[in-house]
C-alpha atoms as a PDB file:
ATOM      1  CA  MET A   1     -22.323   2.998  11.589  1.00  0.00           C
ATOM      2  CA  LEU A   2     -21.683   5.689   9.001  1.00  0.00           C
ATOM      3  CA  LYS A   3     -24.795   6.328   6.920  1.00  0.00           C
ATOM      4  CA  ASN A   4     -24.120   9.601   5.136  1.00  0.00           C
ATOM      5  CA  ASN A   5     -21.754  12.515   4.703  1.00  0.00           C
ATOM      6  CA  ASN A   6     -23.404  14.386   7.569  1.00  0.00           C
ATOM      7  CA  THR A   7     -21.337  12.254   9.959  1.00  0.00           C
ATOM      8  CA  PHE A   8     -18.426  14.616   9.242  1.00  0.00           C
ATOM      9  CA  LYS A   9     -18.480  18.336   8.594  1.00  0.00           C
ATOM     10  CA  TYR A  10     -17.818  19.947   5.231  1.00  0.00           C
ATOM     11  CA  PRO A  11     -15.224  20.281   3.651  1.00  0.00           C
ATOM     12  CA  VAL A  12     -13.725  17.166   5.334  1.00  0.00           C
ATOM     13  CA  SER A  13     -16.882  15.211   4.458  1.00  0.00           C
ATOM     14  CA  GLN A  14     -15.788  15.324   0.802  1.00  0.00           C
ATOM     15  CA  LEU A  15     -13.156  12.703   1.624  1.00  0.00           C
ATOM     16  CA  LEU A  16     -15.864  10.118   2.316  1.00  0.00           C
ATOM     17  CA  ASN A  17     -16.549   9.864  -1.406  1.00  0.00           C
ATOM     18  CA  TYR A  18     -13.042  10.604  -2.678  1.00  0.00           C
ATOM     19  CA  GLY A  19     -12.239   6.946  -3.257  1.00  0.00           C
ATOM     20  CA  GLU A  20      -8.935   5.602  -4.538  1.00  0.00           C
ATOM     21  CA  TYR A  21      -6.314   8.161  -5.421  1.00  0.00           C
ATOM     22  CA  GLU A  22      -3.051   7.423  -7.194  1.00  0.00           C
ATOM     23  CA  PRO A  23      -0.647  10.358  -6.741  1.00  0.00           C
ATOM     24  CA  SER A  24       0.739  12.386  -9.603  1.00  0.00           C
ATOM     25  CA  GLY A  25       4.442  13.084 -10.010  1.00  0.00           C
ATOM     26  CA  LYS A  26       4.019  15.929  -7.526  1.00  0.00           C
ATOM     27  CA  GLY A  27       2.525  13.675  -4.858  1.00  0.00           C
ATOM     28  CA  TYR A  28      -0.900  13.808  -3.279  1.00  0.00           C
ATOM     29  CA  ASP A  29      -2.761  17.044  -4.039  1.00  0.00           C
ATOM     30  CA  TYR A  30      -5.947  17.738  -2.120  1.00  0.00           C
ATOM     31  CA  SER A  31      -5.957  21.499  -2.690  1.00  0.00           C
ATOM     32  CA  GLU A  32      -9.158  21.395  -4.727  1.00  0.00           C
ATOM     33  CA  LEU A  33     -11.085  20.354  -1.617  1.00  0.00           C
ATOM     34  CA  GLY A  34     -10.431  23.576   0.265  1.00  0.00           C
ATOM     35  CA  ILE A  35      -9.399  21.793   3.464  1.00  0.00           C
ATOM     36  CA  GLY A  36      -7.185  23.871   5.748  1.00  0.00           C
ATOM     37  CA  SER A  37      -5.867  24.288   9.275  1.00  0.00           C
ATOM     38  CA  ASP A  38      -9.295  25.083  10.692  1.00  0.00           C
ATOM     39  CA  ASP A  39     -10.370  21.572   9.704  1.00  0.00           C
ATOM     40  CA  ILE A  40      -7.656  19.750  11.657  1.00  0.00           C
ATOM     41  CA  PRO A  41      -9.964  18.551  14.489  1.00  0.00           C
ATOM     42  CA  GLU A  42     -12.386  17.070  11.953  1.00  0.00           C
ATOM     43  CA  LEU A  43      -9.528  15.491   9.981  1.00  0.00           C
ATOM     44  CA  ILE A  44      -8.300  13.843  13.184  1.00  0.00           C
ATOM     45  CA  ASN A  45     -11.780  12.474  13.854  1.00  0.00           C
ATOM     46  CA  LEU A  46     -11.869  10.976  10.372  1.00  0.00           C
ATOM     47  CA  ALA A  47      -8.285   9.678  10.354  1.00  0.00           C
ATOM     48  CA  THR A  48      -8.782   7.804  13.625  1.00  0.00           C
ATOM     49  CA  ASN A  49     -12.280   6.455  13.011  1.00  0.00           C
ATOM     50  CA  PHE A  50     -12.018   2.750  13.871  1.00  0.00           C
ATOM     51  CA  ASN A  51     -15.084   1.747  11.861  1.00  0.00           C
ATOM     52  CA  LEU A  52     -13.671   3.256   8.674  1.00  0.00           C
ATOM     53  CA  LEU A  53     -10.084   2.159   9.275  1.00  0.00           C
ATOM     54  CA  VAL A  54     -10.723  -1.465  10.112  1.00  0.00           C
ATOM     55  CA  GLU A  55     -14.258  -2.551   9.314  1.00  0.00           C
ATOM     56  CA  HIS A  56     -15.735  -0.460   6.494  1.00  0.00           C
ATOM     57  CA  ILE A  57     -13.846  -1.877   3.517  1.00  0.00           C
ATOM     58  CA  ASP A  58     -16.398  -2.411   0.748  1.00  0.00           C
ATOM     59  CA  ASP A  59     -16.759   1.069  -0.737  1.00  0.00           C
ATOM     60  CA  ALA A  60     -15.121   4.482  -1.122  1.00  0.00           C
ATOM     61  CA  LEU A  61     -15.562   5.215   2.583  1.00  0.00           C
ATOM     62  CA  SER A  62     -12.637   2.944   3.387  1.00  0.00           C
ATOM     63  CA  TRP A  63     -10.185   5.333   1.736  1.00  0.00           C
ATOM     64  CA  ALA A  64     -11.287   8.421   3.660  1.00  0.00           C
ATOM     65  CA  PRO A  65      -9.074   7.957   6.758  1.00  0.00           C
ATOM     66  CA  ILE A  66      -6.010   7.466   4.548  1.00  0.00           C
ATOM     67  CA  HIS A  67      -6.666  10.759   2.783  1.00  0.00           C
ATOM     68  CA  ALA A  68      -7.277  12.472   6.135  1.00  0.00           C
ATOM     69  CA  MET A  69      -3.949  11.211   7.514  1.00  0.00           C
ATOM     70  CA  ARG A  70      -2.069  12.503   4.481  1.00  0.00           C
ATOM     71  CA  ILE A  71      -3.694  15.911   4.687  1.00  0.00           C
ATOM     72  CA  LEU A  72      -2.791  16.122   8.384  1.00  0.00           C
ATOM     73  CA  GLY A  73       0.810  15.511   7.363  1.00  0.00           C
ATOM     74  CA  GLN A  74       0.679  18.162   4.669  1.00  0.00           C
ATOM     75  CA  LEU A  75      -0.783  20.638   7.175  1.00  0.00           C
ATOM     76  CA  LYS A  76       2.004  19.759   9.659  1.00  0.00           C
ATOM     77  CA  ALA A  77      -0.716  19.270  12.224  1.00  0.00           C
ATOM     78  CA  THR A  78       1.052  18.839  15.557  1.00  0.00           C
ATOM     79  CA  GLU A  79      -2.377  18.337  17.158  1.00  0.00           C
ATOM     80  CA  ALA A  80      -2.531  15.025  15.290  1.00  0.00           C
ATOM     81  CA  ILE A  81       0.669  13.549  16.742  1.00  0.00           C
ATOM     82  CA  GLU A  82      -0.887  11.819  19.743  1.00  0.00           C
ATOM     83  CA  PRO A  83      -3.990  10.552  17.880  1.00  0.00           C
ATOM     84  CA  LEU A  84      -1.849   9.155  15.048  1.00  0.00           C
ATOM     85  CA  ILE A  85       0.517   7.476  17.495  1.00  0.00           C
ATOM     86  CA  ASP A  86      -2.523   5.940  19.154  1.00  0.00           C
ATOM     87  CA  ILE A  87      -3.543   4.194  15.919  1.00  0.00           C
ATOM     88  CA  LEU A  88      -0.151   2.473  15.646  1.00  0.00           C
ATOM     89  CA  LYS A  89      -1.706  -0.343  17.657  1.00  0.00           C
ATOM     90  CA  TYR A  90      -4.044  -1.123  14.762  1.00  0.00           C
ATOM     91  CA  ILE A  91      -1.039  -2.478  12.838  1.00  0.00           C
ATOM     92  CA  ASP A  92      -1.499  -5.737  14.751  1.00  0.00           C
ATOM     93  CA  ILE A  93      -4.988  -6.217  13.316  1.00  0.00           C
ATOM     94  CA  ASP A  94      -5.189  -8.511  10.274  1.00  0.00           C
ATOM     95  CA  ASN A  95      -4.468  -6.702   6.998  1.00  0.00           C
ATOM     96  CA  MET A  96      -3.696  -3.394   8.680  1.00  0.00           C
ATOM     97  CA  ASP A  97       0.055  -3.692   8.063  1.00  0.00           C
ATOM     98  CA  TRP A  98      -0.215  -1.025   5.358  1.00  0.00           C
ATOM     99  CA  LEU A  99       0.007   1.465   8.228  1.00  0.00           C
ATOM    100  CA  ILE A 100       3.659   0.406   8.604  1.00  0.00           C
ATOM    101  CA  SER A 101       4.545   2.200   5.383  1.00  0.00           C
ATOM    102  CA  GLU A 102       1.821   4.843   5.492  1.00  0.00           C
ATOM    103  CA  LEU A 103       2.471   6.515   8.847  1.00  0.00           C
ATOM    104  CA  PRO A 104       6.241   7.295   8.819  1.00  0.00           C
ATOM    105  CA  PRO A 105       6.031   9.732   5.857  1.00  0.00           C
ATOM    106  CA  ILE A 106       3.141  11.479   7.616  1.00  0.00           C
ATOM    107  CA  PHE A 107       5.124  11.893  10.837  1.00  0.00           C
ATOM    108  CA  GLU A 108       8.053  13.101   8.711  1.00  0.00           C
ATOM    109  CA  GLN A 109       5.845  15.835   7.244  1.00  0.00           C
ATOM    110  CA  ILE A 110       4.582  16.879  10.664  1.00  0.00           C
ATOM    111  CA  GLY A 111       8.216  17.106  11.676  1.00  0.00           C
ATOM    112  CA  LYS A 112      10.414  17.047  14.744  1.00  0.00           C
ATOM    113  CA  ALA A 113       7.578  17.881  17.139  1.00  0.00           C
ATOM    114  CA  SER A 114       6.598  14.219  16.707  1.00  0.00           C
ATOM    115  CA  VAL A 115       9.946  12.870  17.866  1.00  0.00           C
ATOM    116  CA  PRO A 116       9.635  12.937  21.696  1.00  0.00           C
ATOM    117  CA  GLN A 117       6.363  11.004  21.720  1.00  0.00           C
ATOM    118  CA  LEU A 118       7.614   8.550  19.096  1.00  0.00           C
ATOM    119  CA  MET A 119      10.753   7.945  21.161  1.00  0.00           C
ATOM    120  CA  GLU A 120       8.658   7.262  24.232  1.00  0.00           C
ATOM    121  CA  TYR A 121       6.499   4.846  22.248  1.00  0.00           C
ATOM    122  CA  VAL A 122       9.549   2.817  21.189  1.00  0.00           C
ATOM    123  CA  ARG A 123      10.898   2.789  24.755  1.00  0.00           C
ATOM    124  CA  ASP A 124       7.691   1.278  26.084  1.00  0.00           C
ATOM    125  CA  ILE A 125       8.151  -2.481  25.698  1.00  0.00           C
ATOM    126  CA  ASP A 126       4.478  -2.996  26.529  1.00  0.00           C
ATOM    127  CA  ASN A 127       3.836  -1.791  22.975  1.00  0.00           C
ATOM    128  CA  THR A 128       4.084  -4.612  20.443  1.00  0.00           C
ATOM    129  CA  LEU A 129       6.836  -5.159  17.885  1.00  0.00           C
ATOM    130  CA  TYR A 130       5.540  -3.772  14.613  1.00  0.00           C
ATOM    131  CA  PRO A 131       3.923  -0.632  16.041  1.00  0.00           C
ATOM    132  CA  ARG A 132       7.242   0.070  17.832  1.00  0.00           C
ATOM    133  CA  LEU A 133       9.142  -0.611  14.612  1.00  0.00           C
ATOM    134  CA  THR A 134       6.932   1.849  12.734  1.00  0.00           C
ATOM    135  CA  ALA A 135       7.509   4.523  15.384  1.00  0.00           C
ATOM    136  CA  LEU A 136      11.255   3.877  15.149  1.00  0.00           C
ATOM    137  CA  ASP A 137      11.229   4.190  11.373  1.00  0.00           C
ATOM    138  CA  SER A 138       9.305   7.459  11.727  1.00  0.00           C
ATOM    139  CA  ILE A 139      12.033   8.862  14.015  1.00  0.00           C
ATOM    140  CA  ILE A 140      14.721   7.949  11.501  1.00  0.00           C
ATOM    141  CA  GLN A 141      12.804   9.446   8.576  1.00  0.00           C
ATOM    142  CA  ILE A 142      12.263  12.696  10.472  1.00  0.00           C
ATOM    143  CA  ALA A 143      15.972  12.941  11.340  1.00  0.00           C
ATOM    144  CA  LYS A 144      16.960  12.321   7.718  1.00  0.00           C
ATOM    145  CA  ALA A 145      14.681  15.150   6.602  1.00  0.00           C
ATOM    146  CA  ASP A 146      15.551  17.652   9.353  1.00  0.00           C
ATOM    147  CA  ASP A 147      19.192  18.210  10.346  1.00  0.00           C
ATOM    148  CA  SER A 148      18.122  20.203  13.401  1.00  0.00           C
ATOM    149  CA  CYS A 149      16.969  17.035  15.178  1.00  0.00           C
ATOM    150  CA  LYS A 150      19.510  14.589  13.747  1.00  0.00           C
ATOM    151  CA  GLU A 151      21.918  14.847  16.694  1.00  0.00           C
ATOM    152  CA  ASP A 152      19.222  14.049  19.254  1.00  0.00           C
ATOM    153  CA  CYS A 153      17.938  11.173  17.152  1.00  0.00           C
ATOM    154  CA  VAL A 154      21.424   9.670  16.764  1.00  0.00           C
ATOM    155  CA  LYS A 155      21.926   9.875  20.534  1.00  0.00           C
ATOM    156  CA  TYR A 156      18.616   8.113  20.972  1.00  0.00           C
ATOM    157  CA  LEU A 157      19.594   5.341  18.544  1.00  0.00           C
ATOM    158  CA  ARG A 158      22.891   4.874  20.374  1.00  0.00           C
ATOM    159  CA  GLY A 159      20.959   4.401  23.582  1.00  0.00           C
ATOM    160  CA  ARG A 160      18.646   1.882  21.937  1.00  0.00           C
ATOM    161  CA  ILE A 161      21.417  -0.321  20.515  1.00  0.00           C
ATOM    162  CA  LYS A 162      23.092  -0.492  23.916  1.00  0.00           C
ATOM    163  CA  LYS A 163      20.010  -2.445  25.020  1.00  0.00           C
ATOM    164  CA  TYR A 164      20.392  -5.014  22.225  1.00  0.00           C
ATOM    165  CA  LYS A 165      20.515  -7.997  24.591  1.00  0.00           C
ATOM    166  CA  ASN A 166      16.979  -7.310  25.786  1.00  0.00           C
ATOM    167  CA  GLU A 167      15.561  -6.116  22.467  1.00  0.00           C
ATOM    168  CA  ASP A 168      13.977  -7.840  19.481  1.00  0.00           C
ATOM    169  CA  ALA A 169      16.413  -8.572  16.643  1.00  0.00           C
ATOM    170  CA  ILE A 170      14.192  -6.710  14.181  1.00  0.00           C
ATOM    171  CA  ILE A 171      14.297  -3.529  16.282  1.00  0.00           C
ATOM    172  CA  ASN A 172      18.064  -3.909  16.626  1.00  0.00           C
ATOM    173  CA  GLY A 173      18.413  -4.249  12.866  1.00  0.00           C
ATOM    174  CA  LYS A 174      16.412  -1.082  12.249  1.00  0.00           C
ATOM    175  CA  VAL A 175      18.349   0.858  14.894  1.00  0.00           C
ATOM    176  CA  ILE A 176      21.648  -0.197  13.317  1.00  0.00           C
ATOM    177  CA  ASP A 177      20.357   0.723   9.872  1.00  0.00           C
ATOM    178  CA  GLY A 178      19.632   4.210  11.185  1.00  0.00           C
ATOM    179  CA  LEU A 179      23.028   4.579  12.835  1.00  0.00           C
ATOM    180  CA  VAL A 180      24.773   3.430   9.658  1.00  0.00           C
ATOM    181  CA  ALA A 181      22.708   5.797   7.544  1.00  0.00           C
ATOM    182  CA  PHE A 182      23.953   8.648   9.751  1.00  0.00           C
ATOM    183  CA  LYS A 183      27.548   7.332   9.512  1.00  0.00           C
ATOM    184  CA  ASP A 184      27.799   7.096  13.297  1.00  0.00           C
ATOM    185  CA  MET A 185      31.261   5.669  13.938  1.00  0.00           C
ATOM    186  CA  GLU A 186      30.897   6.144  17.691  1.00  0.00           C
ATOM    187  CA  SER A 187      28.585   3.128  17.827  1.00  0.00           C
ATOM    188  CA  ILE A 188      30.759   0.723  15.864  1.00  0.00           C
ATOM    189  CA  ASP A 189      31.891  -1.398  18.834  1.00  0.00           C
ATOM    190  CA  ILE A 190      28.415  -1.903  20.257  1.00  0.00           C
ATOM    191  CA  ILE A 191      27.053  -2.647  16.775  1.00  0.00           C
ATOM    192  CA  LYS A 192      29.674  -5.365  16.338  1.00  0.00           C
ATOM    193  CA  ALA A 193      28.803  -6.778  19.748  1.00  0.00           C
ATOM    194  CA  ALA A 194      25.149  -6.981  18.734  1.00  0.00           C
ATOM    195  CA  PHE A 195      26.058  -8.909  15.590  1.00  0.00           C
ATOM    196  CA  ASP A 196      28.458 -11.178  17.484  1.00  0.00           C
ATOM    197  CA  SER A 197      25.659 -12.142  19.862  1.00  0.00           C
ATOM    198  CA  ASP A 198      23.315 -12.952  16.949  1.00  0.00           C
ATOM    199  CA  SER A 199      20.910 -10.241  18.076  1.00  0.00           C
ATOM    200  CA  VAL A 200      20.365  -8.520  14.711  1.00  0.00           C
ATOM    201  CA  ASN A 201      17.882  -9.084  11.907  1.00  0.00           C
ATOM    202  CA  PHE A 202      19.774  -8.653   8.624  1.00  0.00           C
ATOM    203  CA  GLY A 203      16.753  -7.312   6.732  1.00  0.00           C
ATOM    204  CA  PHE A 204      17.478  -3.623   7.239  1.00  0.00           C
ATOM    205  CA  ALA A 205      21.195  -2.992   7.669  1.00  0.00           C
ATOM    206  CA  GLY A 206      22.556  -6.229   6.237  1.00  0.00           C
ATOM    207  CA  ASP A 207      25.096  -8.378   8.077  1.00  0.00           C
ATOM    208  CA  TRP A 208      28.254  -7.169   9.840  1.00  0.00           C
ATOM    209  CA  GLN A 209      30.304  -7.104   6.644  1.00  0.00           C
ATOM    210  CA  GLU A 210      27.620  -5.101   4.856  1.00  0.00           C
ATOM    211  CA  VAL A 211      27.593  -2.593   7.714  1.00  0.00           C
ATOM    212  CA  GLN A 212      31.383  -2.216   7.453  1.00  0.00           C
ATOM    213  CA  ILE A 213      31.131  -1.659   3.697  1.00  0.00           C
ATOM    214  CA  ARG A 214      28.446   0.991   4.180  1.00  0.00           C
ATOM    215  CA  LEU A 215      30.654   2.747   6.747  1.00  0.00           C
ATOM    216  CA  GLY A 216      33.726   2.597   4.515  1.00  0.00           C
ATOM    217  CA  LEU A 217      35.594   0.143   6.747  1.00  0.00           C
ATOM    218  CA  LEU A 218      35.641  -2.542   4.042  1.00  0.00           C
ATOM    219  CA  THR A 219      35.767  -2.084   0.295  1.00  0.00           C
ATOM    220  CA  GLU A 220      34.160  -5.445  -0.513  1.00  0.00           C
ATOM    221  CA  ARG A 221      32.922  -8.635   1.111  1.00  0.00           C
ATOM    222  CA  ILE A 222      35.513 -11.091   2.350  1.00  0.00           C
ATOM    223  CA  SER A 223      33.055 -13.993   2.533  1.00  0.00           C
ATOM    224  CA  PRO A 224      29.565 -14.790   1.171  1.00  0.00           C
ATOM    225  CA  PRO A 225      26.564 -13.468   3.096  1.00  0.00           C
ATOM    226  CA  LYS A 226      25.312 -15.720   5.861  1.00  0.00           C
ATOM    227  CA  VAL A 227      21.940 -17.390   5.644  1.00  0.00           C
ATOM    228  CA  HIS A 228      20.107 -15.832   8.551  1.00  0.00           C
ATOM    229  CA  GLU A 229      17.118 -17.252  10.372  1.00  0.00           C
ATOM    230  CA  TYR A 230      15.303 -13.928  10.365  1.00  0.00           C
ATOM    231  CA  PRO A 231      13.324 -12.944   7.236  1.00  0.00           C
ATOM    232  CA  ASN A 232      14.258  -9.938   5.163  1.00  0.00           C
ATOM    233  CA  SER A 233      12.246  -6.948   6.364  1.00  0.00           C
ATOM    234  CA  ASP A 234      12.695  -4.556   3.442  1.00  0.00           C
ATOM    235  CA  PHE A 235       9.076  -5.016   2.336  1.00  0.00           C
ATOM    236  CA  LEU A 236       7.796  -3.460   5.541  1.00  0.00           C
ATOM    237  CA  PHE A 237       8.810   0.052   4.595  1.00  0.00           C
ATOM    238  CA  GLU A 238       8.422   0.037   0.839  1.00  0.00           C
ATOM    239  CA  LYS A 239       7.109   3.324  -0.542  1.00  0.00           C
ATOM    240  CA  PRO A 240       3.388   3.508   0.267  1.00  0.00           C
ATOM    241  CA  THR A 241       1.046   3.446  -2.725  1.00  0.00           C
ATOM    242  CA  MET A 242      -2.695   3.194  -3.049  1.00  0.00           C
ATOM    243  CA  LYS A 243      -2.169  -0.095  -4.920  1.00  0.00           C
ATOM    244  CA  ARG A 244      -0.444  -1.598  -1.875  1.00  0.00           C
ATOM    245  CA  VAL A 245      -3.198  -0.387   0.442  1.00  0.00           C
ATOM    246  CA  ARG A 246      -5.810  -1.709  -1.984  1.00  0.00           C
ATOM    247  CA  ASN A 247      -4.144  -5.142  -2.006  1.00  0.00           C
ATOM    248  CA  ARG A 248      -4.353  -5.280   1.795  1.00  0.00           C
ATOM    249  CA  LYS A 249      -8.031  -4.356   1.721  1.00  0.00           C
ATOM    250  CA  ASP A 250      -8.731  -6.903  -1.036  1.00  0.00           C
ATOM    251  CA  LYS A 251      -7.273  -9.641   1.163  1.00  0.00           C
ATOM    252  CA  MET A 252      -9.405  -8.522   4.071  1.00  0.00           C
ATOM    253  CA  ARG A 253     -12.545  -8.434   1.905  1.00  0.00           C
ATOM    254  CA  LYS A 254     -11.946 -11.979   0.614  1.00  0.00           C
ATOM    255  CA  LYS A 255     -11.407 -13.203   4.162  1.00  0.00           C
ATOM    256  CA  LYS A 256     -14.730 -11.710   5.280  1.00  0.00           C
ATOM    257  CA  LYS A 257     -16.581 -13.360   2.379  1.00  0.00           C
ATOM    258  CA  LYS A 258     -15.305 -16.776   3.487  1.00  0.00           C
ATOM    259  CA  MET A 259     -16.633 -16.287   6.998  1.00  0.00           C
END
């Protein structure tokens, strides 16, 4: 149990009482706290604290790990890559799906050093769907922000879509969305094959006609969109906000009160 600020060292301990924080137009600014690179080990301890992340939801303490994660991103803390990847598994816990939108921008800030471990995480089918999906989205976001790793990431996505027959349709949809975003014409035949075999969730890239329009192969639809059995997945990666995180925690709090 966490009883006081002495659990974490100053200046990181200030985050325990920082509470909710809506960003300004310039994003999240923690400069007033005086937290720097020397504090990275303590930030990692706070960001990965299971009690705070999952169980301690009734006061300002519950926001501290979120702030710590964001500061780790701003510091480009490569030491945090493995610990942050390790908390992907918490996404499967009730009301922890806010991590799906929270972690990719943090990995993007840390940069391309995150990519090899994220790729390995997606490859490992023993990891569950939504943690893998979040790692995949992180790879794509990093490649969009850093041209120096785009080529390797596109090659990786090509390799992933070739495995579409043995992959979840949601993962396939996200992979295709990434390939289309990078205008990768080399993958067009395998992408079509994935759609033809009904192995693609439409929530990310759209259906086959939408993909062709995005790639400039069609100028407009030639038939109405299909009704697909898979739900739209756009909500999973909406821009993270404290309001969205707060809504998740509110649901969790109400559930606990009913128990």
